[in-house]
Amino acid sequence: MVSSLLVRSSCRTVPSVTRRYMMTRIQTSLYSSSSLKYAKSYKLEGTGEGTKVEITTNTGHSLATDIPKPMGGKDTAPQPVETLLASWMGCTQATALFVGRHLP
């Protein structure tokens, strides 16, 4: 697997403790001699207020994270670590399907 990762993160503080974030993932290539064949671009934009962050993607999806009340949050969304682990599970499943499709 070949992957190239470029992440630009910017955080800009605006009044009333609201933060805006933008992250971009530029290129990922899987098992290809031509990396452009599988090149993808991702753009995530998020707005954080207090402990909650609401994120939208260029693929039309949205998600949010928050932390539990005992940790000072409002517990209105999964914790960031929960979304990280869910992403790992999704990548594992997608990789297994990809490999399975390419077996002889």
PDB file of N, CA and C in Angstrom:
ATOM      1  N   MET A   1       0.843  -1.162   0.000  1.00  0.00           N
ATOM      2  CA  MET A   1       0.000   0.000   0.000  1.00  0.00           C
ATOM      3  C   MET A   1       0.893   1.232   0.000  1.00  0.00           C
ATOM      4  N   VAL A   2       0.591   2.152  -0.862  1.00  0.00           N
ATOM      5  CA  VAL A   2       1.318   3.404  -0.937  1.00  0.00           C
ATOM      6  C   VAL A   2       0.348   4.502  -0.570  1.00  0.00           C
ATOM      7  N   SER A   3       0.752   5.357   0.314  1.00  0.00           N
ATOM      8  CA  SER A   3      -0.118   6.474   0.634  1.00  0.00           C
ATOM      9  C   SER A   3       0.699   7.726   0.832  1.00  0.00           C
ATOM     10  N   SER A   4       0.147   8.796   0.404  1.00  0.00           N
ATOM     11  CA  SER A   4       0.758  10.096   0.572  1.00  0.00           C
ATOM     12  C   SER A   4      -0.230  10.933   1.361  1.00  0.00           C
ATOM     13  N   LEU A   5       0.242  11.575   2.382  1.00  0.00           N
ATOM     14  CA  LEU A   5      -0.673  12.301   3.257  1.00  0.00           C
ATOM     15  C   LEU A   5      -0.164  13.708   3.473  1.00  0.00           C
ATOM     16  N   LEU A   6      -0.993  14.650   3.192  1.00  0.00           N
ATOM     17  CA  LEU A   6      -0.689  16.047   3.458  1.00  0.00           C
ATOM     18  C   LEU A   6      -1.865  16.596   4.228  1.00  0.00           C
ATOM     19  N   VAL A   7      -1.621  17.026   5.421  1.00  0.00           N
ATOM     20  CA  VAL A   7      -2.699  17.567   6.240  1.00  0.00           C
ATOM     21  C   VAL A   7      -2.341  18.985   6.603  1.00  0.00           C
ATOM     22  N   ARG A   8      -3.245  19.873   6.300  1.00  0.00           N
ATOM     23  CA  ARG A   8      -3.089  21.249   6.716  1.00  0.00           C
ATOM     24  C   ARG A   8      -4.170  21.521   7.742  1.00  0.00           C
ATOM     25  N   SER A   9      -3.778  21.990   8.866  1.00  0.00           N
ATOM     26  CA  SER A   9      -4.746  22.271   9.908  1.00  0.00           C
ATOM     27  C   SER A   9      -4.645  23.742  10.261  1.00  0.00           C
ATOM     28  N   SER A  10      -5.764  24.392  10.289  1.00  0.00           N
ATOM     29  CA  SER A  10      -5.755  25.780  10.699  1.00  0.00           C
ATOM     30  C   SER A  10      -6.833  25.976  11.746  1.00  0.00           C
ATOM     31  N   CYS A  11      -6.519  26.733  12.733  1.00  0.00           N
ATOM     32  CA  CYS A  11      -7.475  27.019  13.788  1.00  0.00           C
ATOM     33  C   CYS A  11      -7.553  28.528  13.919  1.00  0.00           C
ATOM     34  N   ARG A  12      -8.731  29.056  13.808  1.00  0.00           N
ATOM     35  CA  ARG A  12      -8.929  30.493  13.872  1.00  0.00           C
ATOM     36  C   ARG A  12      -9.946  30.762  14.967  1.00  0.00           C
ATOM     37  N   THR A  13      -9.570  31.546  15.949  1.00  0.00           N
ATOM     38  CA  THR A  13     -10.485  31.857  17.040  1.00  0.00           C
ATOM     39  C   THR A  13     -11.345  33.054  16.657  1.00  0.00           C
ATOM     40  N   VAL A  14     -12.623  32.910  16.862  1.00  0.00           N
ATOM     41  CA  VAL A  14     -13.573  33.988  16.635  1.00  0.00           C
ATOM     42  C   VAL A  14     -14.292  34.265  17.945  1.00  0.00           C
ATOM     43  N   PRO A  15     -14.989  35.382  18.057  1.00  0.00           N
ATOM     44  CA  PRO A  15     -15.614  35.739  19.327  1.00  0.00           C
ATOM     45  C   PRO A  15     -16.511  34.637  19.885  1.00  0.00           C
ATOM     46  N   SER A  16     -16.715  34.675  21.169  1.00  0.00           N
ATOM     47  CA  SER A  16     -17.563  33.775  21.966  1.00  0.00           C
ATOM     48  C   SER A  16     -17.074  32.332  21.953  1.00  0.00           C
ATOM     49  N   VAL A  17     -15.784  32.148  22.012  1.00  0.00           N
ATOM     50  CA  VAL A  17     -15.144  30.850  22.164  1.00  0.00           C
ATOM     51  C   VAL A  17     -15.589  29.848  21.094  1.00  0.00           C
ATOM     52  N   THR A  18     -15.817  30.308  19.902  1.00  0.00           N
ATOM     53  CA  THR A  18     -16.122  29.428  18.783  1.00  0.00           C
ATOM     54  C   THR A  18     -14.861  29.307  17.946  1.00  0.00           C
ATOM     55  N   ARG A  19     -14.532  28.084  17.547  1.00  0.00           N
ATOM     56  CA  ARG A  19     -13.333  27.867  16.742  1.00  0.00           C
ATOM     57  C   ARG A  19     -13.726  27.217  15.429  1.00  0.00           C
ATOM     58  N   ARG A  20     -13.012  27.571  14.369  1.00  0.00           N
ATOM     59  CA  ARG A  20     -13.226  26.958  13.063  1.00  0.00           C
ATOM     60  C   ARG A  20     -11.969  26.182  12.705  1.00  0.00           C
ATOM     61  N   TYR A  21     -12.159  24.981  12.173  1.00  0.00           N
ATOM     62  CA  TYR A  21     -11.050  24.111  11.803  1.00  0.00           C
ATOM     63  C   TYR A  21     -11.216  23.693  10.347  1.00  0.00           C
ATOM     64  N   MET A  22     -10.111  23.469   9.665  1.00  0.00           N
ATOM     65  CA  MET A  22     -10.158  22.904   8.323  1.00  0.00           C
ATOM     66  C   MET A  22      -8.979  21.955   8.162  1.00  0.00           C
ATOM     67  N   MET A  23      -9.254  20.733   7.729  1.00  0.00           N
ATOM     68  CA  MET A  23      -8.205  19.755   7.477  1.00  0.00           C
ATOM     69  C   MET A  23      -8.416  19.195   6.085  1.00  0.00           C
ATOM     70  N   THR A  24      -7.342  18.993   5.364  1.00  0.00           N
ATOM     71  CA  THR A  24      -7.421  18.463   4.018  1.00  0.00           C
ATOM     72  C   THR A  24      -6.491  17.274   3.884  1.00  0.00           C
ATOM     73  N   ARG A  25      -7.007  16.185   3.376  1.00  0.00           N
ATOM     74  CA  ARG A  25      -6.183  15.033   3.049  1.00  0.00           C
ATOM     75  C   ARG A  25      -6.110  14.979   1.533  1.00  0.00           C
ATOM     76  N   ILE A  26      -4.927  14.965   1.001  1.00  0.00           N
ATOM     77  CA  ILE A  26      -4.755  15.162  -0.419  1.00  0.00           C
ATOM     78  C   ILE A  26      -4.802  13.879  -1.238  1.00  0.00           C
ATOM     79  N   GLN A  27      -3.977  12.892  -0.974  1.00  0.00           N
ATOM     80  CA  GLN A  27      -3.883  11.769  -1.913  1.00  0.00           C
ATOM     81  C   GLN A  27      -3.670  10.451  -1.192  1.00  0.00           C
ATOM     82  N   THR A  28      -4.369   9.438  -1.636  1.00  0.00           N
ATOM     83  CA  THR A  28      -4.178   8.078  -1.159  1.00  0.00           C
ATOM     84  C   THR A  28      -4.154   7.162  -2.362  1.00  0.00           C
ATOM     85  N   SER A  29      -3.172   6.290  -2.450  1.00  0.00           N
ATOM     86  CA  SER A  29      -3.068   5.350  -3.563  1.00  0.00           C
ATOM     87  C   SER A  29      -2.970   3.944  -3.012  1.00  0.00           C
ATOM     88  N   LEU A  30      -3.790   3.032  -3.512  1.00  0.00           N
ATOM     89  CA  LEU A  30      -3.767   1.642  -3.079  1.00  0.00           C
ATOM     90  C   LEU A  30      -3.414   0.719  -4.230  1.00  0.00           C
ATOM     91  N   TYR A  31      -2.335  -0.010  -4.104  1.00  0.00           N
ATOM     92  CA  TYR A  31      -1.959  -1.053  -5.054  1.00  0.00           C
ATOM     93  C   TYR A  31      -2.072  -0.596  -6.508  1.00  0.00           C
ATOM     94  N   SER A  32      -1.480   0.503  -6.817  1.00  0.00           N
ATOM     95  CA  SER A  32      -1.613   1.028  -8.163  1.00  0.00           C
ATOM     96  C   SER A  32      -0.273   1.539  -8.664  1.00  0.00           C
ATOM     97  N   SER A  33       0.026   1.249  -9.914  1.00  0.00           N
ATOM     98  CA  SER A  33       1.233   1.816 -10.503  1.00  0.00           C
ATOM     99  C   SER A  33       0.986   3.274 -10.878  1.00  0.00           C
ATOM    100  N   SER A  34      -0.253   3.608 -11.097  1.00  0.00           N
ATOM    101  CA  SER A  34      -0.621   4.989 -11.378  1.00  0.00           C
ATOM    102  C   SER A  34      -1.379   5.540 -10.179  1.00  0.00           C
ATOM    103  N   SER A  35      -0.701   6.355  -9.388  1.00  0.00           N
ATOM    104  CA  SER A  35      -1.324   6.857  -8.169  1.00  0.00           C
ATOM    105  C   SER A  35      -2.529   7.750  -8.462  1.00  0.00           C
ATOM    106  N   LEU A  36      -2.611   8.310  -9.666  1.00  0.00           N
ATOM    107  CA  LEU A  36      -3.742   9.171  -9.984  1.00  0.00           C
ATOM    108  C   LEU A  36      -5.041   8.380 -10.153  1.00  0.00           C
ATOM    109  N   LYS A  37      -4.932   7.095 -10.473  1.00  0.00           N
ATOM    110  CA  LYS A  37      -6.121   6.278 -10.662  1.00  0.00           C
ATOM    111  C   LYS A  37      -6.971   6.222  -9.401  1.00  0.00           C
ATOM    112  N   TYR A  38      -6.334   6.166  -8.245  1.00  0.00           N
ATOM    113  CA  TYR A  38      -7.051   6.061  -6.982  1.00  0.00           C
ATOM    114  C   TYR A  38      -6.906   7.314  -6.120  1.00  0.00           C
ATOM    115  N   ALA A  39      -6.482   8.398  -6.705  1.00  0.00           N
ATOM    116  CA  ALA A  39      -6.280   9.614  -5.920  1.00  0.00           C
ATOM    117  C   ALA A  39      -7.614  10.154  -5.439  1.00  0.00           C
ATOM    118  N   LYS A  40      -7.655  10.526  -4.193  1.00  0.00           N
ATOM    119  CA  LYS A  40      -8.851  11.113  -3.601  1.00  0.00           C
ATOM    120  C   LYS A  40      -8.448  12.354  -2.840  1.00  0.00           C
ATOM    121  N   SER A  41      -9.381  13.238  -2.693  1.00  0.00           N
ATOM    122  CA  SER A  41      -9.148  14.452  -1.937  1.00  0.00           C
ATOM    123  C   SER A  41     -10.276  14.614  -0.932  1.00  0.00           C
ATOM    124  N   TYR A  42      -9.937  14.931   0.299  1.00  0.00           N
ATOM    125  CA  TYR A  42     -10.922  15.110   1.345  1.00  0.00           C
ATOM    126  C   TYR A  42     -10.772  16.491   1.963  1.00  0.00           C
ATOM    127  N   LYS A  43     -11.880  17.079   2.271  1.00  0.00           N
ATOM    128  CA  LYS A  43     -11.851  18.367   2.955  1.00  0.00           C
ATOM    129  C   LYS A  43     -12.843  18.299   4.105  1.00  0.00           C
ATOM    130  N   LEU A  44     -12.371  18.549   5.301  1.00  0.00           N
ATOM    131  CA  LEU A  44     -13.213  18.564   6.477  1.00  0.00           C
ATOM    132  C   LEU A  44     -13.180  19.957   7.081  1.00  0.00           C
ATOM    133  N   GLU A  45     -14.340  20.464   7.401  1.00  0.00           N
ATOM    134  CA  GLU A  45     -14.433  21.744   8.067  1.00  0.00           C
ATOM    135  C   GLU A  45     -15.217  21.552   9.349  1.00  0.00           C
ATOM    136  N   GLY A  46     -14.729  22.150  10.408  1.00  0.00           N
ATOM    137  CA  GLY A  46     -15.398  21.975  11.685  1.00  0.00           C
ATOM    138  C   GLY A  46     -15.538  23.285  12.425  1.00  0.00           C
ATOM    139  N   THR A  47     -16.565  23.346  13.247  1.00  0.00           N
ATOM    140  CA  THR A  47     -16.782  24.488  14.114  1.00  0.00           C
ATOM    141  C   THR A  47     -16.911  23.961  15.529  1.00  0.00           C
ATOM    142  N   GLY A  48     -16.110  24.493  16.417  1.00  0.00           N
ATOM    143  CA  GLY A  48     -16.147  24.051  17.801  1.00  0.00           C
ATOM    144  C   GLY A  48     -16.621  25.150  18.714  1.00  0.00           C
ATOM    145  N   GLU A  49     -17.470  24.758  19.635  1.00  0.00           N
ATOM    146  CA  GLU A  49     -17.914  25.696  20.660  1.00  0.00           C
ATOM    147  C   GLU A  49     -17.923  24.943  21.983  1.00  0.00           C
ATOM    148  N   GLY A  50     -17.162  25.434  22.935  1.00  0.00           N
ATOM    149  CA  GLY A  50     -17.006  24.696  24.182  1.00  0.00           C
ATOM    150  C   GLY A  50     -16.272  23.398  23.916  1.00  0.00           C
ATOM    151  N   THR A  51     -16.872  22.281  24.312  1.00  0.00           N
ATOM    152  CA  THR A  51     -16.228  20.980  24.130  1.00  0.00           C
ATOM    153  C   THR A  51     -16.750  20.239  22.907  1.00  0.00           C
ATOM    154  N   LYS A  52     -17.708  20.799  22.209  1.00  0.00           N
ATOM    155  CA  LYS A  52     -18.322  20.123  21.060  1.00  0.00           C
ATOM    156  C   LYS A  52     -17.742  20.653  19.746  1.00  0.00           C
ATOM    157  N   VAL A  53     -17.509  19.742  18.807  1.00  0.00           N
ATOM    158  CA  VAL A  53     -17.070  20.114  17.463  1.00  0.00           C
ATOM    159  C   VAL A  53     -18.034  19.483  16.472  1.00  0.00           C
ATOM    160  N   GLU A  54     -18.539  20.284  15.541  1.00  0.00           N
ATOM    161  CA  GLU A  54     -19.385  19.786  14.458  1.00  0.00           C
ATOM    162  C   GLU A  54     -18.594  19.866  13.171  1.00  0.00           C
ATOM    163  N   ILE A  55     -18.513  18.730  12.465  1.00  0.00           N
ATOM    164  CA  ILE A  55     -17.660  18.614  11.286  1.00  0.00           C
ATOM    165  C   ILE A  55     -18.509  18.295  10.064  1.00  0.00           C
ATOM    166  N   THR A  56     -18.182  18.916   8.932  1.00  0.00           N
ATOM    167  CA  THR A  56     -18.803  18.573   7.654  1.00  0.00           C
ATOM    168  C   THR A  56     -17.694  18.213   6.679  1.00  0.00           C
ATOM    169  N   THR A  57     -18.024  17.333   5.733  1.00  0.00           N
ATOM    170  CA  THR A  57     -17.038  16.884   4.755  1.00  0.00           C
ATOM    171  C   THR A  57     -17.459  17.315   3.355  1.00  0.00           C
ATOM    172  N   ASN A  58     -16.502  17.269   2.442  1.00  0.00           N
ATOM    173  CA  ASN A  58     -16.821  17.609   1.057  1.00  0.00           C
ATOM    174  C   ASN A  58     -17.614  16.500   0.373  1.00  0.00           C
ATOM    175  N   THR A  59     -17.801  15.368   1.044  1.00  0.00           N
ATOM    176  CA  THR A  59     -18.590  14.276   0.481  1.00  0.00           C
ATOM    177  C   THR A  59     -20.038  14.306   0.969  1.00  0.00           C
ATOM    178  N   GLY A  60     -20.412  15.363   1.676  1.00  0.00           N
ATOM    179  CA  GLY A  60     -21.801  15.543   2.085  1.00  0.00           C
ATOM    180  C   GLY A  60     -22.173  14.923   3.414  1.00  0.00           C
ATOM    181  N   HIS A  61     -21.196  14.526   4.199  1.00  0.00           N
ATOM    182  CA  HIS A  61     -21.480  13.918   5.492  1.00  0.00           C
ATOM    183  C   HIS A  61     -21.167  14.886   6.622  1.00  0.00           C
ATOM    184  N   SER A  62     -21.770  14.635   7.764  1.00  0.00           N
ATOM    185  CA  SER A  62     -21.469  15.448   8.932  1.00  0.00           C
ATOM    186  C   SER A  62     -21.345  14.553  10.153  1.00  0.00           C
ATOM    187  N   LEU A  63     -20.552  14.983  11.091  1.00  0.00           N
ATOM    188  CA  LEU A  63     -20.393  14.277  12.350  1.00  0.00           C
ATOM    189  C   LEU A  63     -20.047  15.280  13.433  1.00  0.00           C
ATOM    190  N   ALA A  64     -20.143  14.831  14.652  1.00  0.00           N
ATOM    191  CA  ALA A  64     -19.862  15.714  15.785  1.00  0.00           C
ATOM    192  C   ALA A  64     -19.156  14.906  16.864  1.00  0.00           C
ATOM    193  N   THR A  65     -18.412  15.606  17.706  1.00  0.00           N
ATOM    194  CA  THR A  65     -17.798  14.985  18.870  1.00  0.00           C
ATOM    195  C   THR A  65     -18.025  15.887  20.078  1.00  0.00           C
ATOM    196  N   ASP A  66     -18.051  15.285  21.229  1.00  0.00           N
ATOM    197  CA  ASP A  66     -18.176  16.000  22.496  1.00  0.00           C
ATOM    198  C   ASP A  66     -17.547  15.109  23.558  1.00  0.00           C
ATOM    199  N   ILE A  67     -17.446  15.591  24.747  1.00  0.00           N
ATOM    200  CA  ILE A  67     -16.904  14.780  25.830  1.00  0.00           C
ATOM    201  C   ILE A  67     -17.968  14.608  26.909  1.00  0.00           C
ATOM    202  N   PRO A  68     -17.820  13.587  27.762  1.00  0.00           N
ATOM    203  CA  PRO A  68     -18.825  13.313  28.788  1.00  0.00           C
ATOM    204  C   PRO A  68     -18.939  14.442  29.826  1.00  0.00           C
ATOM    205  N   LYS A  69     -20.086  14.488  30.480  1.00  0.00           N
ATOM    206  CA  LYS A  69     -20.322  15.509  31.512  1.00  0.00           C
ATOM    207  C   LYS A  69     -19.286  15.477  32.632  1.00  0.00           C
ATOM    208  N   PRO A  70     -18.887  14.278  33.127  1.00  0.00           N
ATOM    209  CA  PRO A  70     -17.873  14.273  34.196  1.00  0.00           C
ATOM    210  C   PRO A  70     -16.531  14.877  33.782  1.00  0.00           C
ATOM    211  N   MET A  71     -16.295  14.967  32.473  1.00  0.00           N
ATOM    212  CA  MET A  71     -15.043  15.546  31.976  1.00  0.00           C
ATOM    213  C   MET A  71     -15.220  17.005  31.582  1.00  0.00           C
ATOM    214  N   GLY A  72     -16.404  17.564  31.835  1.00  0.00           N
ATOM    215  CA  GLY A  72     -16.645  18.970  31.542  1.00  0.00           C
ATOM    216  C   GLY A  72     -17.410  19.239  30.267  1.00  0.00           C
ATOM    217  N   GLY A  73     -17.821  18.193  29.570  1.00  0.00           N
ATOM    218  CA  GLY A  73     -18.582  18.367  28.334  1.00  0.00           C
ATOM    219  C   GLY A  73     -20.077  18.299  28.578  1.00  0.00           C
ATOM    220  N   LYS A  74     -20.813  18.206  27.488  1.00  0.00           N
ATOM    221  CA  LYS A  74     -22.269  18.109  27.576  1.00  0.00           C
ATOM    222  C   LYS A  74     -22.773  16.737  27.136  1.00  0.00           C
ATOM    223  N   ASP A  75     -21.881  15.872  26.667  1.00  0.00           N
ATOM    224  CA  ASP A  75     -22.214  14.507  26.250  1.00  0.00           C
ATOM    225  C   ASP A  75     -23.305  14.487  25.176  1.00  0.00           C
ATOM    226  N   THR A  76     -23.199  15.402  24.199  1.00  0.00           N
ATOM    227  CA  THR A  76     -24.197  15.492  23.128  1.00  0.00           C
ATOM    228  C   THR A  76     -23.813  14.697  21.882  1.00  0.00           C
ATOM    229  N   ALA A  77     -22.612  14.129  21.879  1.00  0.00           N
ATOM    230  CA  ALA A  77     -22.119  13.378  20.715  1.00  0.00           C
ATOM    231  C   ALA A  77     -21.050  12.402  21.210  1.00  0.00           C
ATOM    232  N   PRO A  78     -20.625  11.461  20.358  1.00  0.00           N
ATOM    233  CA  PRO A  78     -19.558  10.541  20.774  1.00  0.00           C
ATOM    234  C   PRO A  78     -18.272  11.292  21.105  1.00  0.00           C
ATOM    235  N   GLN A  79     -17.464  10.693  21.956  1.00  0.00           N
ATOM    236  CA  GLN A  79     -16.162  11.263  22.273  1.00  0.00           C
ATOM    237  C   GLN A  79     -15.255  11.155  21.048  1.00  0.00           C
ATOM    238  N   PRO A  80     -14.275  12.033  20.914  1.00  0.00           N
ATOM    239  CA  PRO A  80     -13.357  11.937  19.778  1.00  0.00           C
ATOM    240  C   PRO A  80     -12.703  10.560  19.664  1.00  0.00           C
ATOM    241  N   VAL A  81     -12.332   9.948  20.769  1.00  0.00           N
ATOM    242  CA  VAL A  81     -11.701   8.627  20.706  1.00  0.00           C
ATOM    243  C   VAL A  81     -12.681   7.579  20.184  1.00  0.00           C
ATOM    244  N   GLU A  82     -13.970   7.734  20.460  1.00  0.00           N
ATOM    245  CA  GLU A  82     -14.960   6.794  19.930  1.00  0.00           C
ATOM    246  C   GLU A  82     -15.052   6.898  18.410  1.00  0.00           C
ATOM    247  N   THR A  83     -15.013   8.115  17.883  1.00  0.00           N
ATOM    248  CA  THR A  83     -15.057   8.264  16.425  1.00  0.00           C
ATOM    249  C   THR A  83     -13.755   7.781  15.791  1.00  0.00           C
ATOM    250  N   LEU A  84     -12.644   7.947  16.497  1.00  0.00           N
ATOM    251  CA  LEU A  84     -11.364   7.434  15.998  1.00  0.00           C
ATOM    252  C   LEU A  84     -11.412   5.910  15.900  1.00  0.00           C
ATOM    253  N   LEU A  85     -11.898   5.244  16.943  1.00  0.00           N
ATOM    254  CA  LEU A  85     -11.990   3.782  16.931  1.00  0.00           C
ATOM    255  C   LEU A  85     -13.002   3.297  15.893  1.00  0.00           C
ATOM    256  N   ALA A  86     -14.102   4.018  15.740  1.00  0.00           N
ATOM    257  CA  ALA A  86     -15.082   3.647  14.716  1.00  0.00           C
ATOM    258  C   ALA A  86     -14.468   3.771  13.324  1.00  0.00           C
ATOM    259  N   SER A  87     -13.663   4.794  13.101  1.00  0.00           N
ATOM    260  CA  SER A  87     -12.976   4.958  11.812  1.00  0.00           C
ATOM    261  C   SER A  87     -12.026   3.806  11.562  1.00  0.00           C
ATOM    262  N   TRP A  88     -11.298   3.403  12.589  1.00  0.00           N
ATOM    263  CA  TRP A  88     -10.383   2.271  12.463  1.00  0.00           C
ATOM    264  C   TRP A  88     -11.154   1.006  12.095  1.00  0.00           C
ATOM    265  N   MET A  89     -12.299   0.787  12.732  1.00  0.00           N
ATOM    266  CA  MET A  89     -13.109  -0.391  12.410  1.00  0.00           C
ATOM    267  C   MET A  89     -13.598  -0.329  10.959  1.00  0.00           C
ATOM    268  N   GLY A  90     -14.029   0.838  10.523  1.00  0.00           N
ATOM    269  CA  GLY A  90     -14.483   1.000   9.144  1.00  0.00           C
ATOM    270  C   GLY A  90     -13.365   0.764   8.145  1.00  0.00           C
ATOM    271  N   CYS A  91     -12.168   1.265   8.439  1.00  0.00           N
ATOM    272  CA  CYS A  91     -11.022   1.050   7.546  1.00  0.00           C
ATOM    273  C   CYS A  91     -10.651  -0.425   7.487  1.00  0.00           C
ATOM    274  N   THR A  92     -10.720  -1.104   8.622  1.00  0.00           N
ATOM    275  CA  THR A  92     -10.425  -2.532   8.654  1.00  0.00           C
ATOM    276  C   THR A  92     -11.405  -3.303   7.784  1.00  0.00           C
ATOM    277  N   GLN A  93     -12.684  -2.982   7.898  1.00  0.00           N
ATOM    278  CA  GLN A  93     -13.711  -3.651   7.093  1.00  0.00           C
ATOM    279  C   GLN A  93     -13.507  -3.365   5.603  1.00  0.00           C
ATOM    280  N   ALA A  94     -13.267  -2.102   5.254  1.00  0.00           N
ATOM    281  CA  ALA A  94     -13.076  -1.740   3.847  1.00  0.00           C
ATOM    282  C   ALA A  94     -11.837  -2.419   3.268  1.00  0.00           C
ATOM    283  N   THR A  95     -10.764  -2.501   4.060  1.00  0.00           N
ATOM    284  CA  THR A  95      -9.543  -3.163   3.596  1.00  0.00           C
ATOM    285  C   THR A  95      -9.782  -4.649   3.373  1.00  0.00           C
ATOM    286  N   ALA A  96     -10.497  -5.292   4.287  1.00  0.00           N
ATOM    287  CA  ALA A  96     -10.799  -6.714   4.134  1.00  0.00           C
ATOM    288  C   ALA A  96     -11.613  -6.961   2.864  1.00  0.00           C
ATOM    289  N   LEU A  97     -12.591  -6.116   2.595  1.00  0.00           N
ATOM    290  CA  LEU A  97     -13.382  -6.256   1.368  1.00  0.00           C
ATOM    291  C   LEU A  97     -12.528  -6.038   0.127  1.00  0.00           C
ATOM    292  N   PHE A  98     -11.655  -5.036   0.166  1.00  0.00           N
ATOM    293  CA  PHE A  98     -10.787  -4.728  -0.969  1.00  0.00           C
ATOM    294  C   PHE A  98      -9.865  -5.908  -1.268  1.00  0.00           C
ATOM    295  N   VAL A  99      -9.232  -6.448  -0.225  1.00  0.00           N
ATOM    296  CA  VAL A  99      -8.319  -7.580  -0.403  1.00  0.00           C
ATOM    297  C   VAL A  99      -9.095  -8.793  -0.887  1.00  0.00           C
ATOM    298  N   GLY A 100     -10.261  -9.048  -0.317  1.00  0.00           N
ATOM    299  CA  GLY A 100     -11.081 -10.187  -0.716  1.00  0.00           C
ATOM    300  C   GLY A 100     -11.472 -10.140  -2.190  1.00  0.00           C
ATOM    301  N   ARG A 101     -11.759  -8.968  -2.686  1.00  0.00           N
ATOM    302  CA  ARG A 101     -12.146  -8.817  -4.100  1.00  0.00           C
ATOM    303  C   ARG A 101     -10.982  -9.069  -5.042  1.00  0.00           C
ATOM    304  N   HIS A 102      -9.764  -8.887  -4.563  1.00  0.00           N
ATOM    305  CA  HIS A 102      -8.587  -9.018  -5.425  1.00  0.00           C
ATOM    306  C   HIS A 102      -7.844 -10.345  -5.237  1.00  0.00           C
ATOM    307  N   LEU A 103      -8.421 -11.259  -4.485  1.00  0.00           N
ATOM    308  CA  LEU A 103      -7.814 -12.595  -4.360  1.00  0.00           C
ATOM    309  C   LEU A 103      -8.132 -13.412  -5.610  1.00  0.00           C
ATOM    310  N   PRO A 104      -7.214 -14.307  -5.987  1.00  0.00           N
ATOM    311  CA  PRO A 104      -7.474 -15.119  -7.187  1.00  0.00           C
ATOM    312  C   PRO A 104      -8.587 -16.122  -6.959  1.00  0.00           C
TER     313      PRO A 104
END
